[in-house]
Protein backbone atom coordinates (compact mmCIF):
# COMPACT_ATOMS: atom_id res chain seq x y z
CA MET A 1 32.77 -40.26 77.70
CA GLN A 2 35.12 -40.55 74.63
CA LYS A 3 31.79 -41.21 72.45
CA ALA A 4 30.53 -38.12 74.01
CA TYR A 5 33.45 -36.04 72.99
CA CYS A 6 33.47 -37.13 69.71
CA ARG A 7 29.98 -36.37 69.18
CA GLN A 8 30.81 -33.04 70.14
CA SER A 9 33.59 -32.43 67.98
CA VAL A 10 31.84 -33.97 65.12
CA LEU A 11 28.68 -31.61 65.72
CA THR A 12 31.45 -28.62 66.06
CA GLU A 13 32.37 -29.28 62.60
CA ARG A 14 29.14 -29.31 61.29
CA ILE A 15 28.67 -26.08 62.67
CA PHE A 16 31.77 -24.70 61.29
CA ARG A 17 31.32 -25.85 57.82
CA ILE A 18 27.58 -24.46 57.91
CA PHE A 19 29.17 -21.12 58.99
CA LEU A 20 31.87 -21.35 56.40
CA PHE A 21 29.35 -21.96 53.86
CA ASN A 22 27.01 -19.12 54.67
CA ILE A 23 30.14 -16.84 54.62
CA ILE A 24 31.02 -17.70 51.17
CA THR A 25 27.58 -17.15 49.77
CA VAL A 26 27.13 -13.79 51.26
CA LEU A 27 30.39 -13.11 49.58
CA VAL A 28 29.51 -14.84 46.06
CA LEU A 29 25.80 -12.60 46.58
CA ILE A 30 27.93 -9.48 47.19
CA THR A 31 30.21 -10.19 44.24
CA CYS A 32 27.15 -10.61 42.05
CA VAL A 33 25.53 -7.33 43.02
CA CYS A 34 28.75 -5.70 42.22
CA SER A 35 29.14 -7.08 38.72
CA CYS A 36 25.40 -6.05 38.03
CA SER A 37 25.99 -2.34 39.03
CA THR A 38 29.24 -2.26 36.95
CA SER A 39 27.57 -3.92 34.01
CA ARG A 40 25.09 -1.30 34.23
CA SER A 41 27.04 1.67 34.49
CA LYS A 42 29.18 0.08 31.60
CA LYS A 43 26.23 -0.11 29.37
CA ARG A 44 25.13 3.79 30.49
CA GLY A 45 27.99 4.76 28.17
CA ALA A 46 28.34 8.16 29.77
CA THR A 47 30.33 9.43 32.31
CA MET A 48 28.78 11.22 35.31
CA SER A 49 31.00 14.17 34.91
CA THR A 50 29.87 14.65 31.72
CA ALA A 51 26.27 14.52 32.82
CA GLY A 52 26.91 16.86 35.62
CA LYS A 53 28.03 19.82 33.25
CA GLU A 54 25.64 19.46 30.98
CA ALA A 55 22.79 19.36 34.09
CA ALA A 56 24.67 22.84 34.96
CA LYS A 57 24.17 24.38 31.51
CA LYS A 58 21.06 26.55 30.41
CA PRO A 59 19.10 24.01 27.99
CA LYS A 60 19.89 26.15 24.72
CA ASP A 61 23.57 25.50 25.42
CA GLN A 62 23.29 22.22 26.19
CA LYS A 63 24.24 18.92 23.83
CA VAL A 64 23.49 15.19 23.24
CA ILE A 65 26.20 13.27 25.06
CA GLY A 66 27.13 10.24 23.30
CA SER A 67 30.19 7.69 23.34
CA ASN A 68 33.64 8.91 23.39
CA GLU A 69 36.46 6.99 21.14
CA GLN A 70 36.24 4.19 23.75
CA GLY A 71 32.91 3.67 23.37
CA ARG A 72 32.09 5.17 26.70
CA ALA A 73 30.36 8.73 27.62
CA LYS A 74 31.97 10.54 30.24
CA MET A 75 30.69 11.32 33.77
CA SER A 76 31.99 15.04 33.33
CA ASP A 77 29.68 15.18 30.09
CA ALA A 78 26.83 14.15 32.38
CA GLY A 79 27.36 16.83 35.00
CA GLU A 80 27.74 19.52 32.39
CA GLU A 81 24.39 18.85 31.07
CA ALA A 82 23.48 19.04 34.76
CA LYS A 83 24.53 22.45 35.45
CA LYS A 84 22.02 23.87 32.27
CA ASP A 85 18.35 24.54 32.60
CA PRO A 86 16.09 21.81 31.39
CA ASP A 87 15.25 23.79 27.71
CA ASP A 88 19.11 23.91 27.18
CA GLN A 89 19.77 20.40 28.28
CA ARG A 90 20.86 17.75 25.58
CA VAL A 91 20.08 13.86 25.89
CA VAL A 92 22.81 12.05 27.78
CA ASP A 93 22.51 8.35 25.48
CA SER A 94 23.88 5.07 26.50
CA ASP A 95 26.33 3.60 23.80
CA GLU A 96 23.77 2.09 21.44
CA ALA A 97 20.91 5.11 21.78
CA ALA A 98 24.07 7.28 20.82
CA GLN A 99 24.64 5.27 17.81
CA ARG A 100 21.22 5.50 16.54
CA ARG A 101 19.95 9.05 17.96
CA VAL A 102 19.10 11.64 15.77
CA PHE A 103 17.92 14.84 17.18
CA GLU A 104 16.28 17.02 14.96
CA ASP A 105 16.99 20.88 15.67
CA GLU A 106 13.25 22.30 14.74
CA GLN A 107 14.75 25.94 13.87
CA GLU A 108 17.55 24.95 11.81
CA GLY A 109 16.50 21.70 10.22
CA ILE A 110 19.68 19.90 10.86
CA ALA A 111 20.37 16.96 13.13
CA THR A 112 22.72 17.44 16.19
CA SER A 113 24.89 14.46 15.77
CA GLY A 114 26.27 16.13 12.96
CA VAL A 115 23.99 13.98 10.29
CA ALA A 116 22.30 16.44 8.15
CA LEU A 117 18.26 15.62 7.85
CA GLY A 118 18.09 14.52 4.24
CA VAL A 119 16.56 17.21 2.70
CA THR A 120 15.09 16.84 -0.60
CA GLY A 121 12.61 19.66 -1.72
CA ASN A 122 10.58 20.58 1.39
CA GLU A 123 10.62 17.40 2.78
CA TYR A 124 12.86 15.88 5.57
CA GLN A 125 14.64 12.38 5.59
CA GLU A 126 13.39 10.30 8.42
CA TYR A 127 15.91 8.25 10.38
CA ASP A 128 15.06 4.14 11.87
CA GLU A 129 16.08 3.55 15.17
CA TYR A 130 19.46 2.94 14.08
CA GLY A 131 20.15 6.31 12.67
CA GLN A 132 19.67 4.59 9.48
CA PRO A 133 17.77 6.73 6.38
CA MET A 134 14.33 5.22 5.83
CA GLU A 135 12.90 4.77 2.30
CA THR A 136 10.06 7.35 2.20
CA GLN A 137 7.22 6.52 -0.39
CA PRO A 138 6.34 9.62 -2.27
CA GLU A 139 3.03 10.77 -1.62
CA GLU A 140 0.15 11.07 -4.03
CA PRO A 141 -0.28 14.27 -5.85
CA THR A 142 -3.66 16.12 -4.43
CA ASP A 143 -5.86 16.95 -7.72
CA ASP A 144 -7.47 20.03 -6.05
CA GLY A 145 -8.12 21.27 -9.83
CA PHE A 146 -8.32 24.89 -10.29
CA ILE A 147 -10.88 27.76 -11.09
CA TYR A 148 -11.37 30.32 -13.01
CA VAL A 149 -13.64 33.32 -14.29
CA GLY A 150 -13.96 35.50 -17.50
CA LEU A 151 -15.45 37.21 -20.15
CA ILE A 152 -16.97 35.39 -23.33
CA GLY A 153 -18.07 36.52 -27.00
CA GLY A 154 -18.70 35.49 -30.26
CA TYR A 155 -20.91 35.08 -33.26
CA GLY A 156 -23.86 32.33 -33.88
CA THR A 157 -25.75 31.80 -37.37
CA LEU A 158 -28.72 29.24 -37.51
CA THR A 159 -29.59 27.43 -40.55
CA GLY A 160 -33.32 28.79 -40.84
CA GLU A 161 -34.17 31.87 -42.34
CA GLU A 162 -36.33 33.64 -39.81
CA ILE A 163 -33.33 34.81 -37.69
CA ASN A 164 -30.19 36.16 -39.15
CA GLY A 165 -26.83 35.78 -37.62
CA TYR A 166 -26.26 37.57 -34.29
CA PRO A 167 -23.37 38.25 -31.90
CA THR A 168 -23.63 37.01 -28.14
CA PHE A 169 -21.64 38.52 -25.00
CA GLY A 170 -21.51 37.03 -21.69
CA LEU A 171 -19.58 35.94 -18.20
CA VAL A 172 -18.26 32.35 -17.75
CA PHE A 173 -17.16 30.60 -14.67
CA GLY A 174 -15.51 27.30 -14.72
CA GLY A 175 -13.20 24.72 -13.41
CA THR A 176 -10.77 22.22 -14.54
CA SER A 177 -9.22 19.02 -12.78
CA LYS A 178 -5.41 18.93 -12.93
CA THR A 179 -4.82 15.11 -13.52
CA ASP A 180 -7.75 13.88 -15.38
CA GLY A 181 -8.31 16.44 -17.82
CA PHE A 182 -12.23 16.94 -16.79
CA GLY A 183 -13.75 20.25 -16.47
CA GLY A 184 -17.06 22.13 -16.68
CA GLU A 185 -18.44 25.47 -17.55
CA ILE A 186 -21.50 27.98 -16.68
CA ARG A 187 -21.91 30.57 -19.03
CA ALA A 188 -24.20 33.29 -19.01
CA MET A 189 -24.77 35.43 -21.97
CA VAL A 190 -26.98 37.82 -24.15
CA GLY A 191 -27.49 37.85 -27.75
CA PHE A 192 -29.23 40.08 -29.95
CA PRO A 193 -30.89 38.66 -32.79
CA ARG A 194 -33.43 39.94 -35.28
CA LEU A 195 -36.49 38.59 -37.02
CA THR A 196 -36.38 38.60 -40.63
CA ASP A 197 -38.75 39.44 -43.32
CA ALA A 198 -39.46 35.74 -43.65
CA THR A 199 -41.51 35.32 -40.30
CA GLY A 200 -43.98 37.77 -41.60
CA ILE A 201 -44.31 39.98 -38.17
CA ALA A 202 -40.89 41.59 -38.29
CA GLU A 203 -42.44 44.73 -38.89
CA GLY A 204 -44.52 44.41 -35.73
CA ILE A 205 -41.65 43.06 -33.17
CA LYS A 206 -38.66 45.12 -31.93
CA ASP A 207 -36.16 45.23 -29.12
CA GLU A 208 -35.43 41.43 -29.63
CA GLU A 209 -33.13 40.10 -27.23
CA GLU A 210 -31.67 36.38 -26.58
CA LEU A 211 -30.88 35.06 -22.72
CA ALA A 212 -28.73 32.28 -22.73
CA ILE A 213 -27.07 29.70 -19.74
CA ASP A 214 -24.78 27.30 -20.79
CA PHE A 215 -23.82 24.17 -18.83
CA VAL A 216 -20.82 22.85 -20.57
CA PHE A 217 -18.48 19.70 -20.13
CA LYS A 218 -14.87 19.62 -21.28
CA TRP A 219 -12.25 17.10 -21.50
CA TYR A 220 -8.77 18.12 -22.02
CA THR A 221 -6.65 16.05 -24.11
CA THR A 222 -3.74 18.10 -23.05
CA PRO A 223 -2.16 18.58 -19.99
CA VAL A 224 -3.45 21.86 -18.20
CA HIS A 225 0.23 23.23 -17.70
CA THR A 226 1.04 23.28 -21.49
CA PHE A 227 0.96 26.66 -23.09
CA VAL A 228 -1.92 25.40 -25.25
CA GLY A 229 -4.67 23.46 -24.83
CA PHE A 230 -7.22 21.24 -26.74
CA CYS A 231 -10.36 19.57 -25.72
CA PHE A 232 -13.89 18.31 -26.34
CA ILE A 233 -16.75 19.89 -25.90
CA GLY A 234 -20.45 18.86 -25.00
CA GLY A 235 -23.27 20.88 -23.20
CA LEU A 236 -26.80 22.12 -23.14
CA ARG A 237 -28.08 25.49 -23.59
CA TRP A 238 -31.22 26.90 -21.99
CA GLY A 239 -32.47 30.49 -23.83
CA MET A 240 -35.33 32.79 -24.03
CA LEU A 241 -36.20 35.03 -27.06
CA ASN A 242 -37.34 38.32 -25.56
CA TRP A 243 -39.04 41.04 -27.82
CA GLN A 244 -41.41 44.16 -27.65
CA TYR A 245 -44.37 44.52 -29.80
CA GLU A 246 -44.12 47.82 -31.88
CA ASN A 247 -47.47 48.64 -30.69
CA PRO A 248 -49.17 47.10 -27.65
CA ILE A 249 -51.75 44.36 -28.35
CA GLU A 250 -55.31 43.88 -26.56
CA TYR A 251 -55.73 39.86 -25.89
CA ASP A 252 -59.04 38.38 -24.83
CA ASP A 253 -58.58 35.30 -22.77
CA GLY A 254 -62.28 34.25 -23.61
CA PHE A 255 -63.59 34.99 -19.87
CA GLY A 256 -64.56 38.41 -20.52
CA GLU A 257 -61.07 39.70 -19.45
CA ILE A 258 -59.06 41.52 -21.93
CA TYR A 259 -55.37 42.63 -21.33
CA GLU A 260 -53.01 44.64 -22.95
CA ILE A 261 -49.65 42.82 -23.97
CA SER A 262 -46.68 44.75 -24.57
CA GLY A 263 -44.10 41.91 -24.97
CA ASP A 264 -43.74 38.20 -25.05
CA ASN A 265 -40.95 35.76 -25.08
CA LEU A 266 -40.18 32.30 -26.44
CA GLN A 267 -38.01 29.45 -24.80
CA TYR A 268 -35.95 27.05 -26.01
CA LEU A 269 -33.27 24.18 -25.68
CA THR A 270 -29.85 23.56 -27.60
CA PRO A 271 -28.05 20.25 -26.97
CA PHE A 272 -24.67 20.86 -28.45
CA LEU A 273 -20.91 19.23 -29.04
CA GLY A 274 -18.21 20.89 -30.43
CA VAL A 275 -13.83 21.46 -29.62
CA GLY A 276 -12.14 24.09 -28.05
CA LEU A 277 -8.84 25.33 -28.07
CA ASN A 278 -6.63 27.43 -25.37
CA LEU A 279 -4.24 29.65 -27.34
CA VAL A 280 -2.39 30.83 -24.23
CA GLN A 281 -2.59 28.57 -20.69
CA THR A 282 -0.28 30.67 -18.16
CA LYS A 283 -0.71 30.58 -14.40
CA HIS A 284 -3.18 33.03 -14.41
CA ILE A 285 -4.37 34.03 -17.90
CA ILE A 286 -6.32 31.77 -20.28
CA LEU A 287 -7.23 32.87 -23.95
CA GLY A 288 -9.18 30.49 -25.63
CA THR A 289 -11.78 29.80 -28.40
CA ASP A 290 -14.58 26.92 -29.21
CA ILE A 291 -16.94 26.33 -32.30
CA THR A 292 -20.02 24.44 -31.54
CA GLY A 293 -23.04 22.75 -33.02
CA GLY A 294 -26.46 22.21 -32.05
CA TYR A 295 -29.98 21.50 -32.48
CA LYS A 296 -32.62 24.38 -31.45
CA PHE A 297 -35.71 23.27 -29.87
CA TYR A 298 -38.23 26.05 -29.51
CA LYS A 299 -41.30 25.66 -27.20
CA TRP A 300 -44.34 25.23 -28.60
CA ASN A 301 -46.22 28.13 -27.27
CA THR A 302 -44.85 31.69 -25.86
CA GLU A 303 -45.01 33.03 -22.28
CA GLU A 304 -48.29 34.86 -22.90
CA GLY A 305 -49.88 31.74 -24.34
CA PHE A 306 -49.65 32.12 -28.04
CA ASP A 307 -48.93 29.18 -30.15
CA ASN A 308 -45.39 29.23 -31.67
CA ASP A 309 -46.19 29.36 -35.33
CA VAL A 310 -43.31 31.49 -36.50
CA LEU A 311 -39.94 30.11 -35.65
CA ASP A 312 -39.51 26.34 -36.56
CA ASP A 313 -36.86 23.89 -34.77
CA GLU A 314 -33.27 24.49 -36.53
CA TRP A 315 -29.77 23.79 -36.63
CA MET A 316 -27.37 26.26 -34.78
CA VAL A 317 -23.79 27.10 -35.01
CA GLN A 318 -21.44 29.35 -32.81
CA LEU A 319 -18.18 30.66 -32.53
CA LEU A 320 -17.09 32.11 -29.17
CA VAL A 321 -13.56 33.33 -27.75
CA ASN A 322 -13.19 33.57 -23.86
CA ILE A 323 -10.46 35.36 -21.71
CA SER A 324 -10.40 34.23 -18.25
CA TRP A 325 -8.04 34.43 -14.98
CA ALA A 326 -7.54 31.49 -13.11
CA PHE A 327 -7.29 30.87 -9.50
CA GLY A 328 -5.17 27.77 -8.00
CA ARG A 329 -3.29 26.94 -11.57
């Protein structure tokens, strides 16, 4: 009987200890849960009143909620923001986020945290996640170059005796790089040469006219933004000397056909080199001159099939002046 009572007492004691242990375990878990909740609310760093007030405001009237002087944002701030429309609300930040957030107002170009965006020229300063200015690499300048169109005219002379010196006029279209100084031009020109008595046919020729197209390469040794510019020139001219006969001639092709010919032409090629000087270089106006020299290679026969036994290949020198209007300079 006594042994049975002792076993019952021991059993009761064990049950009580287990019950007490469970109670303590439950209390510890509840304490941990409360601590975690409290910890999370502390990390929030913003008060509910602040969030509520902001929520009641219209979005355009809201501001970013940051921490107060104790490092905590207030619930009243959150409440104020909650009153606002979504478009007027500001972001309710935690302590850490409040220290690094920089909110850019797209309309005003400022940071709502009170730190002005670093504006250098037309570019905005960027900030890292901690609110510190970031070093930005300057963008490489883009070289779009510029183009120009204008008028060109001058005077040319030849070393031979068959053609006198003559004036030339035309149009020029070109473009120049803004950084490396390379440029190019296409010139379409018309000249008015005159055959001399040295040709032996001057009395039977009239209305001489020369059409020419120049393909020009330029290399500027001075920056394009300077008022005066210097360049080296190289190029190739394709030309055609046209004329009319004083009296139409008849030509037998050898196959029984006779043609009447009232005019003819002779083509040529002239590679040339030279130098150029721009006397004026403004944003839109370019006034320049160049002198070139080259060798004129005439074709061996005319358009109508006559052998060229009149004009010999010869050296050419030409002085040209141009005035152009620039775009994108």
